[in-house]
């Protein structure tokens, strides 16, 4: 594994990346580079992220995940996460290879895996950490090398991405990814509810109606929603609102009360309390820090 990891780092080093998120000629492939420790609160969409260098920590609800060099995370639904990059420097920055995962790609791969045991029963947590094997490293290496041969990208990148997904489905955490492509499953119904809340986070949430739309009892819906996302539906909506509000505070000059109302809060004072509890700093303090 160490040799494969070293080869991938050498390939990425030669790409002369900028700090932060680097888009590539392959639309669903991005590469992250961070030379300093950072903390970010964001909404993850389905993805595969292979860590080449540095450490990454993820908080999901009350659970804490860690993945170091040679490990990866798989995310199979929209999740509200807090992530920290640590153990990095200008000489040895964090490198993360990220592939956005379209459910149609998973359906396509599973179609060619008739032997695969598809579990449509209980939804599983939509995030898992695992260690990459040499087959995943090899396919990732071939994918990255196409970035130096633009004429290969239209054909070969699709093959290598499909191979990476195939390899991921074969390992013990593959069901986390497979449930993304199992139409009609309980996971898909929960995933649809997650998307609904994410797209309508400003509106008052009626959990009974969501449960009915998912074809579940309210109790079962609560149980499965928390199993997948790490949050109850109300907690999930609250975290989405706070993440969106933080982005507005850091990016424009709207008043704090206006921002609170714009993300769905009816009380600015409640917004400030929950913001302070979540981020350890009040909205006004956040804005003052941004100015300096």
C-alpha atoms as a PDB file:
ATOM      1  CA  UNK A   1       0.000   0.000   0.000  1.00  0.00           C
ATOM      2  CA  UNK A   2       2.823   2.439   0.886  1.00  0.00           C
ATOM      3  CA  UNK A   3       4.310   2.274  -2.617  1.00  0.00           C
ATOM      4  CA  UNK A   4       0.941   2.873  -4.259  1.00  0.00           C
ATOM      5  CA  UNK A   5       0.276   5.791  -1.928  1.00  0.00           C
ATOM      6  CA  UNK A   6       3.689   7.272  -2.684  1.00  0.00           C
ATOM      7  CA  UNK A   7       3.066   7.016  -6.446  1.00  0.00           C
ATOM      8  CA  UNK A   8      -0.301   8.781  -6.145  1.00  0.00           C
ATOM      9  CA  UNK A   9       1.227  11.604  -4.069  1.00  0.00           C
ATOM     10  CA  UNK A  10       3.961  12.056  -6.694  1.00  0.00           C
ATOM     11  CA  UNK A  11       1.339  12.288  -9.462  1.00  0.00           C
ATOM     12  CA  UNK A  12      -0.681  14.872  -7.520  1.00  0.00           C
ATOM     13  CA  UNK A  13       2.452  16.868  -6.607  1.00  0.00           C
ATOM     14  CA  UNK A  14       3.137  17.355 -10.319  1.00  0.00           C
ATOM     15  CA  UNK A  15      -0.324  18.847 -10.930  1.00  0.00           C
ATOM     16  CA  UNK A  16       0.711  22.139  -9.259  1.00  0.00           C
ATOM     17  CA  UNK A  17      -2.526  22.469  -7.331  1.00  0.00           C
ATOM     18  CA  UNK A  18      -3.880  25.621  -5.716  1.00  0.00           C
ATOM     19  CA  UNK A  19      -4.985  25.760  -2.086  1.00  0.00           C
ATOM     20  CA  UNK A  20      -8.522  24.501  -1.560  1.00  0.00           C
ATOM     21  CA  UNK A  21     -10.713  22.758  -4.133  1.00  0.00           C
ATOM     22  CA  UNK A  22      -9.183  22.097  -7.549  1.00  0.00           C
ATOM     23  CA  UNK A  23     -11.509  21.212 -10.401  1.00  0.00           C
ATOM     24  CA  UNK A  24     -10.137  18.972 -13.146  1.00  0.00           C
ATOM     25  CA  UNK A  25     -10.876  18.198 -16.785  1.00  0.00           C
ATOM     26  CA  UNK A  26     -12.975  15.288 -15.498  1.00  0.00           C
ATOM     27  CA  UNK A  27     -16.246  16.942 -14.358  1.00  0.00           C
ATOM     28  CA  UNK A  28     -16.932  14.698 -11.350  1.00  0.00           C
ATOM     29  CA  UNK A  29     -13.314  14.592 -10.143  1.00  0.00           C
ATOM     30  CA  UNK A  30     -11.884  17.261  -7.838  1.00  0.00           C
ATOM     31  CA  UNK A  31      -8.716  17.324  -5.748  1.00  0.00           C
ATOM     32  CA  UNK A  32      -8.429  19.111  -2.410  1.00  0.00           C
ATOM     33  CA  UNK A  33      -5.192  20.594  -1.137  1.00  0.00           C
ATOM     34  CA  UNK A  34      -4.771  22.161   2.295  1.00  0.00           C
ATOM     35  CA  UNK A  35      -1.432  23.260   3.737  1.00  0.00           C
ATOM     36  CA  UNK A  36      -2.951  24.493   7.006  1.00  0.00           C
ATOM     37  CA  UNK A  37      -5.383  22.923   9.459  1.00  0.00           C
ATOM     38  CA  UNK A  38      -8.965  23.952   8.762  1.00  0.00           C
ATOM     39  CA  UNK A  39     -12.475  23.286  10.080  1.00  0.00           C
ATOM     40  CA  UNK A  40     -15.434  23.357   7.690  1.00  0.00           C
ATOM     41  CA  UNK A  41     -19.186  22.908   8.162  1.00  0.00           C
ATOM     42  CA  UNK A  42     -20.808  21.740   4.938  1.00  0.00           C
ATOM     43  CA  UNK A  43     -23.413  19.634   3.183  1.00  0.00           C
ATOM     44  CA  UNK A  44     -21.858  16.560   1.577  1.00  0.00           C
ATOM     45  CA  UNK A  45     -23.488  14.977  -1.446  1.00  0.00           C
ATOM     46  CA  UNK A  46     -22.773  11.344  -2.439  1.00  0.00           C
ATOM     47  CA  UNK A  47     -19.036  10.982  -2.962  1.00  0.00           C
ATOM     48  CA  UNK A  48     -15.866   8.944  -2.600  1.00  0.00           C
ATOM     49  CA  UNK A  49     -12.901  10.765  -1.035  1.00  0.00           C
ATOM     50  CA  UNK A  50      -9.507   9.047  -0.908  1.00  0.00           C
ATOM     51  CA  UNK A  51      -7.049  10.630   1.513  1.00  0.00           C
ATOM     52  CA  UNK A  52      -3.452  10.584   0.262  1.00  0.00           C
ATOM     53  CA  UNK A  53      -1.774  12.795   2.847  1.00  0.00           C
ATOM     54  CA  UNK A  54      -2.651  14.489   6.146  1.00  0.00           C
ATOM     55  CA  UNK A  55      -5.518  13.550   8.447  1.00  0.00           C
ATOM     56  CA  UNK A  56      -9.244  14.229   8.229  1.00  0.00           C
ATOM     57  CA  UNK A  57     -11.815  14.089  11.014  1.00  0.00           C
ATOM     58  CA  UNK A  58     -15.565  14.107  10.469  1.00  0.00           C
ATOM     59  CA  UNK A  59     -18.378  14.718  12.957  1.00  0.00           C
ATOM     60  CA  UNK A  60     -21.794  13.336  12.067  1.00  0.00           C
ATOM     61  CA  UNK A  61     -24.341  13.929  14.815  1.00  0.00           C
ATOM     62  CA  UNK A  62     -22.784  12.454  17.961  1.00  0.00           C
ATOM     63  CA  UNK A  63     -20.382  10.220  16.037  1.00  0.00           C
ATOM     64  CA  UNK A  64     -16.754  10.960  15.207  1.00  0.00           C
ATOM     65  CA  UNK A  65     -14.872   9.501  12.220  1.00  0.00           C
ATOM     66  CA  UNK A  66     -11.150   9.650  11.465  1.00  0.00           C
ATOM     67  CA  UNK A  67      -9.376   8.746   8.245  1.00  0.00           C
ATOM     68  CA  UNK A  68      -5.693   9.054   7.479  1.00  0.00           C
ATOM     69  CA  UNK A  69      -3.466   8.437   4.444  1.00  0.00           C
ATOM     70  CA  UNK A  70      -4.622   5.452   2.407  1.00  0.00           C
ATOM     71  CA  UNK A  71      -8.149   5.554   3.848  1.00  0.00           C
ATOM     72  CA  UNK A  72     -11.357   6.898   2.334  1.00  0.00           C
ATOM     73  CA  UNK A  73     -14.898   7.919   3.133  1.00  0.00           C
ATOM     74  CA  UNK A  74     -17.984   6.926   1.195  1.00  0.00           C
ATOM     75  CA  UNK A  75     -21.070   9.129   1.427  1.00  0.00           C
ATOM     76  CA  UNK A  76     -24.316   7.871  -0.095  1.00  0.00           C
ATOM     77  CA  UNK A  77     -26.786  10.670   0.762  1.00  0.00           C
ATOM     78  CA  UNK A  78     -26.790  14.396   1.510  1.00  0.00           C
ATOM     79  CA  UNK A  79     -25.286  14.757   4.982  1.00  0.00           C
ATOM     80  CA  UNK A  80     -24.646  17.769   7.233  1.00  0.00           C
ATOM     81  CA  UNK A  81     -21.057  17.296   8.404  1.00  0.00           C
ATOM     82  CA  UNK A  82     -18.309  19.084  10.292  1.00  0.00           C
ATOM     83  CA  UNK A  83     -14.848  18.246   8.953  1.00  0.00           C
ATOM     84  CA  UNK A  84     -11.353  19.052  10.183  1.00  0.00           C
ATOM     85  CA  UNK A  85      -8.063  18.716   8.303  1.00  0.00           C
ATOM     86  CA  UNK A  86      -5.055  18.210  10.602  1.00  0.00           C
ATOM     87  CA  UNK A  87      -1.415  17.103  10.554  1.00  0.00           C
ATOM     88  CA  UNK A  88      -0.512  19.137   7.450  1.00  0.00           C
ATOM     89  CA  UNK A  89       2.179  21.621   6.379  1.00  0.00           C
ATOM     90  CA  UNK A  90       3.304  23.425   3.233  1.00  0.00           C
ATOM     91  CA  UNK A  91       5.760  20.582   2.630  1.00  0.00           C
ATOM     92  CA  UNK A  92       3.186  17.838   3.276  1.00  0.00           C
ATOM     93  CA  UNK A  93      -0.300  19.229   2.530  1.00  0.00           C
ATOM     94  CA  UNK A  94      -3.550  17.357   2.761  1.00  0.00           C
ATOM     95  CA  UNK A  95      -4.446  15.731  -0.559  1.00  0.00           C
ATOM     96  CA  UNK A  96      -7.947  14.354  -1.073  1.00  0.00           C
ATOM     97  CA  UNK A  97      -9.156  12.748  -4.319  1.00  0.00           C
ATOM     98  CA  UNK A  98     -12.908  13.291  -4.601  1.00  0.00           C
ATOM     99  CA  UNK A  99     -15.289  11.594  -7.019  1.00  0.00           C
ATOM    100  CA  UNK A 100     -18.915  12.751  -6.996  1.00  0.00           C
ATOM    101  CA  UNK A 101     -21.205   9.742  -7.233  1.00  0.00           C
ATOM    102  CA  UNK A 102     -24.300   9.806  -9.427  1.00  0.00           C
ATOM    103  CA  UNK A 103     -26.864   7.131  -8.391  1.00  0.00           C
ATOM    104  CA  UNK A 104     -27.238   6.276 -12.101  1.00  0.00           C
ATOM    105  CA  UNK A 105     -23.580   5.197 -12.131  1.00  0.00           C
ATOM    106  CA  UNK A 106     -24.227   2.800  -9.245  1.00  0.00           C
ATOM    107  CA  UNK A 107     -27.309   1.401 -10.989  1.00  0.00           C
ATOM    108  CA  UNK A 108     -25.215   0.892 -14.130  1.00  0.00           C
ATOM    109  CA  UNK A 109     -22.435  -0.938 -12.248  1.00  0.00           C
ATOM    110  CA  UNK A 110     -24.873  -3.109 -10.260  1.00  0.00           C
ATOM    111  CA  UNK A 111     -26.598  -4.073 -13.518  1.00  0.00           C
ATOM    112  CA  UNK A 112     -23.374  -5.794 -14.547  1.00  0.00           C
ATOM    113  CA  UNK A 113     -23.001  -7.526 -11.154  1.00  0.00           C
ATOM    114  CA  UNK A 114     -25.842 -10.091 -11.144  1.00  0.00           C
ATOM    115  CA  UNK A 115     -24.039 -12.017  -8.391  1.00  0.00           C
ATOM    116  CA  UNK A 116     -24.121  -9.028  -6.015  1.00  0.00           C
ATOM    117  CA  UNK A 117     -26.298  -9.573  -2.941  1.00  0.00           C
ATOM    118  CA  UNK A 118     -28.579  -6.531  -2.818  1.00  0.00           C
ATOM    119  CA  UNK A 119     -29.867  -5.756   0.673  1.00  0.00           C
ATOM    120  CA  UNK A 120     -33.061  -3.668   0.464  1.00  0.00           C
ATOM    121  CA  UNK A 121     -34.066  -4.192   4.087  1.00  0.00           C
ATOM    122  CA  UNK A 122     -32.824  -1.807   6.784  1.00  0.00           C
ATOM    123  CA  UNK A 123     -31.205   1.454   5.631  1.00  0.00           C
ATOM    124  CA  UNK A 124     -27.571   1.826   6.631  1.00  0.00           C
ATOM    125  CA  UNK A 125     -25.597   4.864   7.760  1.00  0.00           C
ATOM    126  CA  UNK A 126     -24.848   6.954   4.675  1.00  0.00           C
ATOM    127  CA  UNK A 127     -21.189   7.396   5.659  1.00  0.00           C
ATOM    128  CA  UNK A 128     -18.464   4.834   6.118  1.00  0.00           C
ATOM    129  CA  UNK A 129     -14.676   4.928   6.507  1.00  0.00           C
ATOM    130  CA  UNK A 130     -12.469   2.155   5.155  1.00  0.00           C
ATOM    131  CA  UNK A 131      -8.936   1.447   3.952  1.00  0.00           C
ATOM    132  CA  UNK A 132      -8.254   1.355   0.210  1.00  0.00           C
ATOM    133  CA  UNK A 133      -6.790  -1.830  -1.210  1.00  0.00           C
ATOM    134  CA  UNK A 134      -4.256  -2.037  -4.036  1.00  0.00           C
ATOM    135  CA  UNK A 135      -6.988  -2.481  -6.656  1.00  0.00           C
ATOM    136  CA  UNK A 136      -8.607   0.823  -5.642  1.00  0.00           C
ATOM    137  CA  UNK A 137      -5.190   2.519  -5.653  1.00  0.00           C
ATOM    138  CA  UNK A 138      -4.383   1.148  -9.113  1.00  0.00           C
ATOM    139  CA  UNK A 139      -7.652   2.332 -10.645  1.00  0.00           C
ATOM    140  CA  UNK A 140      -7.275   5.767  -9.007  1.00  0.00           C
ATOM    141  CA  UNK A 141      -3.716   6.044 -10.336  1.00  0.00           C
ATOM    142  CA  UNK A 142      -4.869   5.300 -13.887  1.00  0.00           C
ATOM    143  CA  UNK A 143      -7.666   7.853 -13.522  1.00  0.00           C
ATOM    144  CA  UNK A 144      -5.266  10.593 -12.386  1.00  0.00           C
ATOM    145  CA  UNK A 145      -2.828   9.837 -15.203  1.00  0.00           C
ATOM    146  CA  UNK A 146      -5.526  10.642 -17.779  1.00  0.00           C
ATOM    147  CA  UNK A 147      -5.293  14.266 -16.591  1.00  0.00           C
ATOM    148  CA  UNK A 148      -1.971  14.414 -18.453  1.00  0.00           C
ATOM    149  CA  UNK A 149      -3.492  12.949 -21.626  1.00  0.00           C
ATOM    150  CA  UNK A 150      -6.604  14.966 -22.425  1.00  0.00           C
ATOM    151  CA  UNK A 151      -7.520  12.826 -25.441  1.00  0.00           C
ATOM    152  CA  UNK A 152      -7.921   9.815 -23.114  1.00  0.00           C
ATOM    153  CA  UNK A 153     -10.348  11.487 -20.715  1.00  0.00           C
ATOM    154  CA  UNK A 154     -13.629  11.076 -22.691  1.00  0.00           C
ATOM    155  CA  UNK A 155     -13.204   7.286 -22.899  1.00  0.00           C
ATOM    156  CA  UNK A 156     -10.822   6.043 -20.217  1.00  0.00           C
ATOM    157  CA  UNK A 157     -11.910   8.227 -17.297  1.00  0.00           C
ATOM    158  CA  UNK A 158     -15.398   6.706 -17.430  1.00  0.00           C
ATOM    159  CA  UNK A 159     -13.940   3.185 -17.417  1.00  0.00           C
ATOM    160  CA  UNK A 160     -11.640   3.901 -14.466  1.00  0.00           C
ATOM    161  CA  UNK A 161     -14.394   5.575 -12.434  1.00  0.00           C
ATOM    162  CA  UNK A 162     -16.650   2.597 -13.091  1.00  0.00           C
ATOM    163  CA  UNK A 163     -13.825   0.290 -11.982  1.00  0.00           C
ATOM    164  CA  UNK A 164     -13.320   2.277  -8.758  1.00  0.00           C
ATOM    165  CA  UNK A 165     -17.041   1.986  -7.967  1.00  0.00           C
ATOM    166  CA  UNK A 166     -16.945  -1.730  -8.779  1.00  0.00           C
ATOM    167  CA  UNK A 167     -13.996  -2.211  -6.379  1.00  0.00           C
ATOM    168  CA  UNK A 168     -15.768  -0.223  -3.667  1.00  0.00           C
ATOM    169  CA  UNK A 169     -18.897  -2.362  -4.009  1.00  0.00           C
ATOM    170  CA  UNK A 170     -16.809  -5.505  -3.554  1.00  0.00           C
ATOM    171  CA  UNK A 171     -15.367  -4.621  -0.143  1.00  0.00           C
ATOM    172  CA  UNK A 172     -17.084  -5.093   3.214  1.00  0.00           C
ATOM    173  CA  UNK A 173     -18.501  -1.541   3.302  1.00  0.00           C
ATOM    174  CA  UNK A 174     -19.944  -1.872  -0.215  1.00  0.00           C
ATOM    175  CA  UNK A 175     -23.565  -1.948   0.954  1.00  0.00           C
ATOM    176  CA  UNK A 176     -23.273   1.707   2.004  1.00  0.00           C
ATOM    177  CA  UNK A 177     -22.628   2.518  -1.648  1.00  0.00           C
ATOM    178  CA  UNK A 178     -24.967  -0.110  -3.105  1.00  0.00           C
ATOM    179  CA  UNK A 179     -28.035   1.306  -1.339  1.00  0.00           C
ATOM    180  CA  UNK A 180     -27.600   4.448  -3.455  1.00  0.00           C
ATOM    181  CA  UNK A 181     -28.570   2.397  -6.511  1.00  0.00           C
ATOM    182  CA  UNK A 182     -31.360   0.238  -5.078  1.00  0.00           C
ATOM    183  CA  UNK A 183     -34.575   1.794  -6.354  1.00  0.00           C
ATOM    184  CA  UNK A 184     -37.659   1.390  -4.180  1.00  0.00           C
ATOM    185  CA  UNK A 185     -35.700   0.540  -1.035  1.00  0.00           C
ATOM    186  CA  UNK A 186     -36.317   2.062   2.397  1.00  0.00           C
ATOM    187  CA  UNK A 187     -33.002   3.888   2.008  1.00  0.00           C
ATOM    188  CA  UNK A 188     -34.200   5.550  -1.203  1.00  0.00           C
ATOM    189  CA  UNK A 189     -37.350   6.755   0.542  1.00  0.00           C
ATOM    190  CA  UNK A 190     -35.282   8.224   3.383  1.00  0.00           C
ATOM    191  CA  UNK A 191     -32.875   9.739   0.841  1.00  0.00           C
ATOM    192  CA  UNK A 192     -35.818  11.426  -0.916  1.00  0.00           C
ATOM    193  CA  UNK A 193     -36.881  12.894   2.434  1.00  0.00           C
ATOM    194  CA  UNK A 194     -33.333  14.160   3.058  1.00  0.00           C
ATOM    195  CA  UNK A 195     -33.358  15.889  -0.327  1.00  0.00           C
ATOM    196  CA  UNK A 196     -36.772  17.402   0.413  1.00  0.00           C
ATOM    197  CA  UNK A 197     -35.564  18.878   3.718  1.00  0.00           C
ATOM    198  CA  UNK A 198     -32.337  20.138   2.126  1.00  0.00           C
ATOM    199  CA  UNK A 199     -34.245  21.868  -0.679  1.00  0.00           C
ATOM    200  CA  UNK A 200     -36.931  23.280   1.619  1.00  0.00           C
ATOM    201  CA  UNK A 201     -34.971  23.909   4.821  1.00  0.00           C
ATOM    202  CA  UNK A 202     -36.562  27.371   5.301  1.00  0.00           C
ATOM    203  CA  UNK A 203     -40.076  25.926   5.616  1.00  0.00           C
ATOM    204  CA  UNK A 204     -41.759  24.557   8.728  1.00  0.00           C
ATOM    205  CA  UNK A 205     -41.199  20.802   8.876  1.00  0.00           C
ATOM    206  CA  UNK A 206     -44.079  18.353   9.238  1.00  0.00           C
ATOM    207  CA  UNK A 207     -42.475  15.023  10.135  1.00  0.00           C
ATOM    208  CA  UNK A 208     -45.791  13.131  10.009  1.00  0.00           C
ATOM    209  CA  UNK A 209     -46.285  14.206   6.390  1.00  0.00           C
ATOM    210  CA  UNK A 210     -42.731  13.192   5.492  1.00  0.00           C
ATOM    211  CA  UNK A 211     -43.255   9.786   7.090  1.00  0.00           C
ATOM    212  CA  UNK A 212     -46.528   9.329   5.187  1.00  0.00           C
ATOM    213  CA  UNK A 213     -44.823  10.280   1.894  1.00  0.00           C
ATOM    214  CA  UNK A 214     -42.102   7.712   2.648  1.00  0.00           C
ATOM    215  CA  UNK A 215     -44.722   5.030   3.331  1.00  0.00           C
ATOM    216  CA  UNK A 216     -43.614   4.582   6.942  1.00  0.00           C
ATOM    217  CA  UNK A 217     -44.990   5.091  10.407  1.00  0.00           C
ATOM    218  CA  UNK A 218     -43.681   8.212  12.137  1.00  0.00           C
ATOM    219  CA  UNK A 219     -41.720   6.064  14.614  1.00  0.00           C
ATOM    220  CA  UNK A 220     -40.070   3.995  11.862  1.00  0.00           C
ATOM    221  CA  UNK A 221     -39.322   7.109   9.833  1.00  0.00           C
ATOM    222  CA  UNK A 222     -37.563   8.747  12.804  1.00  0.00           C
ATOM    223  CA  UNK A 223     -35.550   5.595  13.452  1.00  0.00           C
ATOM    224  CA  UNK A 224     -34.412   5.098   9.845  1.00  0.00           C
ATOM    225  CA  UNK A 225     -33.771   8.810   9.246  1.00  0.00           C
ATOM    226  CA  UNK A 226     -31.413   8.965  12.229  1.00  0.00           C
ATOM    227  CA  UNK A 227     -29.735   5.722  11.211  1.00  0.00           C
ATOM    228  CA  UNK A 228     -28.917   7.158   7.777  1.00  0.00           C
ATOM    229  CA  UNK A 229     -28.068  10.775   8.693  1.00  0.00           C
ATOM    230  CA  UNK A 230     -27.018  10.718  12.349  1.00  0.00           C
ATOM    231  CA  UNK A 231     -29.769  13.269  13.151  1.00  0.00           C
ATOM    232  CA  UNK A 232     -33.501  13.383  13.763  1.00  0.00           C
ATOM    233  CA  UNK A 233     -35.368  15.195  10.942  1.00  0.00           C
ATOM    234  CA  UNK A 234     -35.708  18.374  13.062  1.00  0.00           C
ATOM    235  CA  UNK A 235     -32.015  18.301  14.064  1.00  0.00           C
ATOM    236  CA  UNK A 236     -31.015  17.779  10.438  1.00  0.00           C
ATOM    237  CA  UNK A 237     -33.068  20.762   9.285  1.00  0.00           C
ATOM    238  CA  UNK A 238     -31.578  22.907  12.075  1.00  0.00           C
ATOM    239  CA  UNK A 239     -28.018  22.039  11.051  1.00  0.00           C
ATOM    240  CA  UNK A 240     -28.782  22.813   7.396  1.00  0.00           C
ATOM    241  CA  UNK A 241     -30.213  26.196   8.416  1.00  0.00           C
ATOM    242  CA  UNK A 242     -27.166  27.041  10.548  1.00  0.00           C
ATOM    243  CA  UNK A 243     -24.686  26.024   7.843  1.00  0.00           C
ATOM    244  CA  UNK A 244     -26.551  28.125   5.279  1.00  0.00           C
ATOM    245  CA  UNK A 245     -26.702  31.061   7.696  1.00  0.00           C
ATOM    246  CA  UNK A 246     -22.974  30.882   8.378  1.00  0.00           C
ATOM    247  CA  UNK A 247     -22.293  31.037   4.650  1.00  0.00           C
ATOM    248  CA  UNK A 248     -24.432  34.187   4.409  1.00  0.00           C
ATOM    249  CA  UNK A 249     -22.746  35.820   7.399  1.00  0.00           C
ATOM    250  CA  UNK A 250     -19.329  35.230   5.870  1.00  0.00           C
ATOM    251  CA  UNK A 251     -20.276  36.249   2.323  1.00  0.00           C
ATOM    252  CA  UNK A 252     -22.536  39.312   2.516  1.00  0.00           C
ATOM    253  CA  UNK A 253     -23.501  42.279   4.647  1.00  0.00           C
ATOM    254  CA  UNK A 254     -27.164  41.475   5.362  1.00  0.00           C
ATOM    255  CA  UNK A 255     -28.220  42.086   8.960  1.00  0.00           C
ATOM    256  CA  UNK A 256     -28.060  39.142  11.357  1.00  0.00           C
ATOM    257  CA  UNK A 257     -31.827  39.274  11.972  1.00  0.00           C
ATOM    258  CA  UNK A 258     -32.489  39.319   8.218  1.00  0.00           C
ATOM    259  CA  UNK A 259     -30.246  36.264   7.791  1.00  0.00           C
ATOM    260  CA  UNK A 260     -32.061  34.473  10.625  1.00  0.00           C
ATOM    261  CA  UNK A 261     -35.429  35.077   8.932  1.00  0.00           C
ATOM    262  CA  UNK A 262     -34.053  34.143   5.493  1.00  0.00           C
ATOM    263  CA  UNK A 263     -33.039  30.634   6.643  1.00  0.00           C
ATOM    264  CA  UNK A 264     -36.353  29.949   8.362  1.00  0.00           C
ATOM    265  CA  UNK A 265     -35.965  31.160  11.960  1.00  0.00           C
ATOM    266  CA  UNK A 266     -38.892  33.075  13.459  1.00  0.00           C
ATOM    267  CA  UNK A 267     -36.830  34.410  16.382  1.00  0.00           C
ATOM    268  CA  UNK A 268     -33.423  36.105  15.884  1.00  0.00           C
ATOM    269  CA  UNK A 269     -32.563  35.538  19.557  1.00  0.00           C
ATOM    270  CA  UNK A 270     -33.199  31.784  19.205  1.00  0.00           C
ATOM    271  CA  UNK A 271     -31.076  31.824  16.051  1.00  0.00           C
ATOM    272  CA  UNK A 272     -28.193  33.510  17.899  1.00  0.00           C
ATOM    273  CA  UNK A 273     -28.385  31.005  20.765  1.00  0.00           C
ATOM    274  CA  UNK A 274     -28.378  27.982  18.466  1.00  0.00           C
ATOM    275  CA  UNK A 275     -25.650  29.485  16.267  1.00  0.00           C
ATOM    276  CA  UNK A 276     -23.417  30.085  19.307  1.00  0.00           C
ATOM    277  CA  UNK A 277     -24.086  26.565  20.581  1.00  0.00           C
ATOM    278  CA  UNK A 278     -23.189  25.037  17.217  1.00  0.00           C
ATOM    279  CA  UNK A 279     -20.155  27.107  16.185  1.00  0.00           C
ATOM    280  CA  UNK A 280     -18.854  28.282  19.571  1.00  0.00           C
ATOM    281  CA  UNK A 281     -19.176  31.924  18.528  1.00  0.00           C
ATOM    282  CA  UNK A 282     -22.111  34.312  18.111  1.00  0.00           C
ATOM    283  CA  UNK A 283     -23.216  35.498  14.643  1.00  0.00           C
ATOM    284  CA  UNK A 284     -22.044  39.047  15.408  1.00  0.00           C
ATOM    285  CA  UNK A 285     -18.651  37.812  16.612  1.00  0.00           C
ATOM    286  CA  UNK A 286     -18.353  35.695  13.471  1.00  0.00           C
ATOM    287  CA  UNK A 287     -18.903  38.753  11.304  1.00  0.00           C
ATOM    288  CA  UNK A 288     -16.401  40.849  13.272  1.00  0.00           C
ATOM    289  CA  UNK A 289     -13.755  38.133  12.901  1.00  0.00           C
ATOM    290  CA  UNK A 290     -14.412  38.034   9.152  1.00  0.00           C
ATOM    291  CA  UNK A 291     -13.782  41.796   8.901  1.00  0.00           C
ATOM    292  CA  UNK A 292     -10.394  41.389  10.577  1.00  0.00           C
END
